[in-house]
Protein backbone atom coordinates (compact mmCIF):
# COMPACT_ATOMS: atom_id res chain seq x y z
CA UNK A 1 117.87 88.24 9.27
CA UNK A 2 118.63 84.15 8.72
CA UNK A 3 116.39 81.35 10.10
CA UNK A 4 116.58 80.15 13.52
CA UNK A 5 118.86 76.96 14.20
CA UNK A 6 117.22 76.23 18.26
CA UNK A 7 114.27 75.37 19.92
CA UNK A 8 111.72 77.93 19.27
CA UNK A 9 107.99 78.24 20.32
CA UNK A 10 105.17 77.97 17.15
CA UNK A 11 101.97 78.50 17.26
CA UNK A 12 99.06 76.27 17.20
CA UNK A 13 97.90 77.04 13.48
CA UNK A 14 101.36 76.51 12.74
CA UNK A 15 101.38 73.02 13.93
CA UNK A 16 98.04 71.97 11.97
CA UNK A 17 99.87 73.13 8.64
CA UNK A 18 103.09 70.52 9.43
CA UNK A 19 101.64 67.90 11.18
CA UNK A 20 104.94 65.29 12.55
CA UNK A 21 107.61 67.58 12.60
CA UNK A 22 110.78 65.59 12.88
CA UNK A 23 113.64 66.73 15.42
CA UNK A 24 116.19 68.05 14.03
CA UNK A 25 120.09 66.54 13.69
CA UNK A 26 121.91 68.86 15.53
CA UNK A 27 124.95 67.01 14.11
CA UNK A 28 124.19 68.89 10.46
CA UNK A 29 122.14 71.87 11.76
CA UNK A 30 119.36 71.02 9.53
CA UNK A 31 116.50 73.50 9.82
CA UNK A 32 113.03 72.05 9.02
CA UNK A 33 109.73 72.95 7.86
CA UNK A 34 108.27 74.26 11.35
CA UNK A 35 110.97 76.92 11.32
CA UNK A 36 110.29 78.29 7.66
CA UNK A 37 107.02 78.57 8.29
CA UNK A 38 107.50 80.25 11.78
CA UNK A 39 109.51 82.77 10.19
CA UNK A 40 107.00 83.46 7.45
CA UNK A 41 104.30 83.74 10.09
CA UNK A 42 106.39 86.15 12.21
CA UNK A 43 107.40 88.36 9.08
CA UNK A 44 103.69 88.50 7.60
CA UNK A 45 103.54 92.31 8.49
CA UNK A 46 106.01 93.14 6.05
CA UNK A 47 106.43 91.68 2.37
CA UNK A 48 108.93 94.37 1.33
CA UNK A 49 112.51 92.06 0.15
CA UNK A 50 115.63 93.41 1.08
CA UNK A 51 118.52 92.88 -0.85
CA UNK A 52 121.00 93.09 1.87
CA UNK A 53 119.34 90.16 4.03
CA UNK A 54 120.85 88.01 1.54
CA UNK A 55 124.35 89.12 2.03
CA UNK A 56 124.89 86.20 4.53
CA UNK A 57 123.53 83.01 1.85
CA UNK A 58 125.94 81.44 0.15
CA UNK A 59 125.36 78.20 -1.71
CA UNK A 60 128.63 75.59 -2.24
CA UNK A 61 127.71 72.29 -4.78
CA UNK A 62 130.44 69.72 -5.57
CA UNK A 63 130.18 67.44 -7.70
CA UNK A 64 131.94 63.68 -8.26
CA UNK A 65 133.91 61.12 -9.74
CA UNK A 66 133.67 57.41 -9.00
CA UNK A 67 136.72 55.91 -7.20
CA UNK A 68 135.13 52.69 -6.35
CA UNK A 69 132.39 51.04 -7.29
CA UNK A 70 129.85 51.61 -4.74
CA UNK A 71 127.75 54.26 -4.28
CA UNK A 72 129.34 55.08 -0.69
CA UNK A 73 130.81 58.97 0.31
CA UNK A 74 134.06 57.10 0.22
CA UNK A 75 134.07 56.07 -3.16
CA UNK A 76 133.83 59.20 -4.56
CA UNK A 77 136.29 62.33 -5.40
CA UNK A 78 134.99 65.65 -6.07
CA UNK A 79 136.11 66.97 -9.36
CA UNK A 80 134.22 70.20 -9.35
CA UNK A 81 133.20 72.93 -7.44
CA UNK A 82 130.74 76.16 -7.44
CA UNK A 83 130.15 78.72 -5.17
CA UNK A 84 126.98 81.46 -5.79
CA UNK A 85 126.21 83.82 -3.08
CA UNK A 86 122.76 84.98 -1.95
CA UNK A 87 121.87 87.58 -5.10
CA UNK A 88 122.60 83.96 -7.10
CA UNK A 89 125.74 85.40 -8.53
CA UNK A 90 128.75 82.35 -9.12
CA UNK A 91 131.87 83.53 -7.22
CA UNK A 92 133.50 80.17 -8.23
CA UNK A 93 133.75 77.20 -10.70
CA UNK A 94 136.51 74.87 -10.73
CA UNK A 95 137.22 71.82 -12.08
CA UNK A 96 138.99 69.17 -9.78
CA UNK A 97 141.73 66.97 -10.83
CA UNK A 98 141.57 63.55 -8.18
CA UNK A 99 144.46 62.46 -6.56
CA UNK A 100 143.55 58.92 -6.35
CA UNK A 101 143.09 56.73 -9.93
CA UNK A 102 139.54 57.24 -11.22
CA UNK A 103 137.18 53.90 -11.88
CA UNK A 104 134.30 56.50 -13.74
CA UNK A 105 133.91 60.20 -14.48
CA UNK A 106 130.20 59.32 -14.08
CA UNK A 107 130.07 61.80 -17.06
CA UNK A 108 126.38 60.91 -17.58
CA UNK A 109 125.82 62.69 -13.95
CA UNK A 110 129.00 65.12 -13.72
CA UNK A 111 129.56 66.45 -17.31
CA UNK A 112 133.56 66.37 -17.12
CA UNK A 113 135.67 63.78 -18.94
CA UNK A 114 139.44 62.80 -18.04
CA UNK A 115 140.89 65.15 -20.58
CA UNK A 116 138.97 67.85 -18.51
CA UNK A 117 139.90 66.80 -15.08
CA UNK A 118 143.71 66.88 -16.31
CA UNK A 119 143.22 70.91 -16.80
CA UNK A 120 141.89 70.95 -13.33
CA UNK A 121 143.55 72.07 -9.71
CA UNK A 122 143.94 70.06 -7.05
CA UNK A 123 141.22 69.53 -4.07
CA UNK A 124 143.33 71.65 -2.08
CA UNK A 125 143.76 74.60 -4.34
CA UNK A 126 139.86 74.09 -4.53
CA UNK A 127 139.55 74.25 -1.13
CA UNK A 128 141.84 76.98 -0.42
CA UNK A 129 139.73 79.55 -2.86
CA UNK A 130 136.32 78.43 -1.43
CA UNK A 131 137.56 79.00 1.71
CA UNK A 132 138.88 82.57 0.94
CA UNK A 133 135.59 83.63 -0.69
CA UNK A 134 133.61 82.63 2.24
CA UNK A 135 132.49 84.47 5.24
CA UNK A 136 132.99 83.08 8.83
CA UNK A 137 129.19 83.94 9.70
CA UNK A 138 127.60 82.61 5.81
CA UNK A 139 124.71 80.63 5.83
CA UNK A 140 124.82 77.49 3.66
CA UNK A 141 121.95 76.56 1.89
CA UNK A 142 121.67 73.24 -0.53
CA UNK A 143 119.82 69.82 -1.05
CA UNK A 144 121.41 68.01 1.55
CA UNK A 145 124.80 69.49 1.64
CA UNK A 146 126.81 68.12 4.30
CA UNK A 147 128.88 65.42 1.96
CA UNK A 148 129.39 69.09 0.00
CA UNK A 149 130.27 70.49 3.21
CA UNK A 150 132.60 67.71 4.10
CA UNK A 151 133.99 66.64 0.80
CA UNK A 152 135.69 70.64 0.73
CA UNK A 153 136.77 70.11 4.39
CA UNK A 154 134.73 73.00 5.91
CA UNK A 155 134.63 73.60 9.53
CA UNK A 156 131.18 75.05 11.08
CA UNK A 157 132.26 77.76 13.46
CA UNK A 158 135.12 78.89 11.69
CA UNK A 159 134.57 78.80 7.67
CA UNK A 160 130.83 79.51 8.01
CA UNK A 161 128.01 79.66 10.64
CA UNK A 162 124.54 77.61 9.54
CA UNK A 163 123.28 75.08 7.19
CA UNK A 164 119.86 75.04 6.21
CA UNK A 165 118.90 72.48 4.24
CA UNK A 166 116.31 72.38 1.59
CA UNK A 167 115.23 68.59 1.59
CA UNK A 168 114.34 69.21 5.03
CA UNK A 169 112.27 72.32 3.79
CA UNK A 170 110.42 70.90 0.80
CA UNK A 171 109.72 67.79 2.53
CA UNK A 172 106.16 67.09 3.02
CA UNK A 173 103.66 64.61 4.47
CA UNK A 174 102.23 62.13 1.83
CA UNK A 175 98.66 61.16 3.33
CA UNK A 176 98.40 58.85 0.60
CA UNK A 177 101.58 56.68 2.13
CA UNK A 178 101.41 57.98 5.90
CA UNK A 179 104.60 59.46 5.89
CA UNK A 180 107.03 62.36 4.55
CA UNK A 181 108.39 62.74 0.57
CA UNK A 182 111.64 64.19 -0.06
CA UNK A 183 112.54 65.14 -3.57
CA UNK A 184 115.74 65.97 -5.66
CA UNK A 185 117.05 69.52 -6.46
CA UNK A 186 116.24 69.03 -9.76
CA UNK A 187 112.19 68.06 -8.94
CA UNK A 188 111.94 70.98 -6.70
CA UNK A 189 113.70 73.61 -9.15
CA UNK A 190 111.38 72.27 -11.99
CA UNK A 191 108.24 72.36 -10.14
CA UNK A 192 108.61 75.36 -7.91
CA UNK A 193 111.00 77.88 -10.16
CA UNK A 194 109.83 76.41 -13.60
CA UNK A 195 113.72 75.57 -14.35
CA UNK A 196 114.96 72.31 -15.81
CA UNK A 197 118.49 71.32 -16.05
CA UNK A 198 120.15 70.71 -19.50
CA UNK A 199 121.98 67.29 -19.41
CA UNK A 200 124.14 66.35 -16.95
CA UNK A 201 124.52 68.18 -13.79
CA UNK A 202 126.11 71.63 -13.63
CA UNK A 203 127.23 73.00 -10.08
CA UNK A 204 126.76 76.49 -10.71
CA UNK A 205 123.52 75.74 -11.91
CA UNK A 206 122.69 74.09 -9.24
CA UNK A 207 124.17 76.27 -6.83
CA UNK A 208 122.01 79.18 -8.16
CA UNK A 209 118.48 77.07 -7.95
CA UNK A 210 119.54 76.16 -4.13
CA UNK A 211 120.06 79.70 -3.46
CA UNK A 212 116.24 80.72 -5.66
CA UNK A 213 114.60 77.98 -3.50
CA UNK A 214 115.51 79.06 -0.01
CA UNK A 215 114.32 82.26 -0.92
CA UNK A 216 111.42 81.56 -2.43
CA UNK A 217 110.87 79.40 0.70
CA UNK A 218 112.03 82.02 3.11
CA UNK A 219 109.47 84.79 2.16
CA UNK A 220 106.77 82.58 1.55
CA UNK A 221 103.70 82.52 4.36
CA UNK A 222 103.10 79.18 6.27
CA UNK A 223 100.00 78.17 3.85
CA UNK A 224 102.20 79.02 0.92
CA UNK A 225 104.96 76.66 1.91
CA UNK A 226 102.42 74.23 2.91
CA UNK A 227 100.97 73.86 -0.82
CA UNK A 228 104.55 73.79 -2.11
CA UNK A 229 105.13 70.83 -0.39
CA UNK A 230 101.93 69.34 -1.45
CA UNK A 231 102.74 70.31 -5.14
CA UNK A 232 105.92 68.94 -5.03
CA UNK A 233 103.85 65.62 -3.90
CA UNK A 234 101.29 65.92 -6.42
CA UNK A 235 103.48 66.49 -9.85
CA UNK A 236 105.43 63.93 -10.59
CA UNK A 237 108.92 64.00 -11.10
CA UNK A 238 111.14 63.38 -14.41
CA UNK A 239 113.35 60.08 -14.14
CA UNK A 240 116.98 60.84 -12.63
CA UNK A 241 119.86 60.36 -14.46
CA UNK A 242 120.47 57.11 -12.97
CA UNK A 243 117.49 55.68 -13.43
CA UNK A 244 118.33 56.44 -16.87
CA UNK A 245 120.79 54.21 -16.53
CA UNK A 246 119.48 51.51 -14.87
CA UNK A 247 121.50 52.63 -11.82
CA UNK A 248 124.73 51.81 -13.03
CA UNK A 249 127.37 53.80 -14.54
CA UNK A 250 131.00 52.20 -16.02
CA UNK A 251 130.05 49.37 -13.33
CA UNK A 252 129.59 51.96 -10.33
CA UNK A 253 126.65 51.63 -8.31
CA UNK A 254 124.34 54.25 -8.51
CA UNK A 255 121.23 53.18 -6.15
CA UNK A 256 122.09 54.84 -3.00
CA UNK A 257 118.83 56.12 -2.54
CA UNK A 258 116.92 52.78 -4.25
CA UNK A 259 118.17 50.29 -2.29
CA UNK A 260 116.37 47.08 -4.19
CA UNK A 261 119.05 48.12 -7.51
CA UNK A 262 121.69 48.29 -5.52
CA UNK A 263 124.79 45.86 -6.74
CA UNK A 264 127.55 47.23 -4.06
């Protein structure tokens, strides 16, 4: 069973546990906390997970080098990709050699060097390999994965069926500031799974923890999910790679989510 993507009725108790739920972004088919919690309430009678329930679950994660100096998506080009299935097994991991001139490999973030890229395959080859492994009914899970889907030229209804954004699932109401807090994948993995990435981003590691986080949320009750959201808010995050480099690596702006530090 996968999470529903259309409107559905929720019980009154559900509405109290996840206040102020926002309307879904239909173009990206994001699935927010109310759908996970509603699922959890419906499945309360049975807590026995079956391996087959994850067969349609996959995560595609992409890392990018800079081909421009801004933080815009147009200033990035894929340099590595990984595909992980619902059992958290790595099905694909490839280095991609960009066609356009590289401004920076963003090595502290991506972990790749120009020497690595010289041994990589073309983007078209990586896309072809990925599409051969993805079933048309795949449910893609990930942290703000719309960009990954765009970079790998995947088409909904052709290469996959649904998208679940972990950022929407784990965002929680922050009573202190009166708004919703959205967290990084690294913060979610550290707080909820007890896993911390070492060094630069690894697309396979990111994809594996994304699947693990999705399963944890899907098996949670409404109360458990709310508790996870509040735990993420109350735990101070570690400094990101971008922050550690003052939001600038090799003259490339890394302040996409921190406008006051933007240099582009």
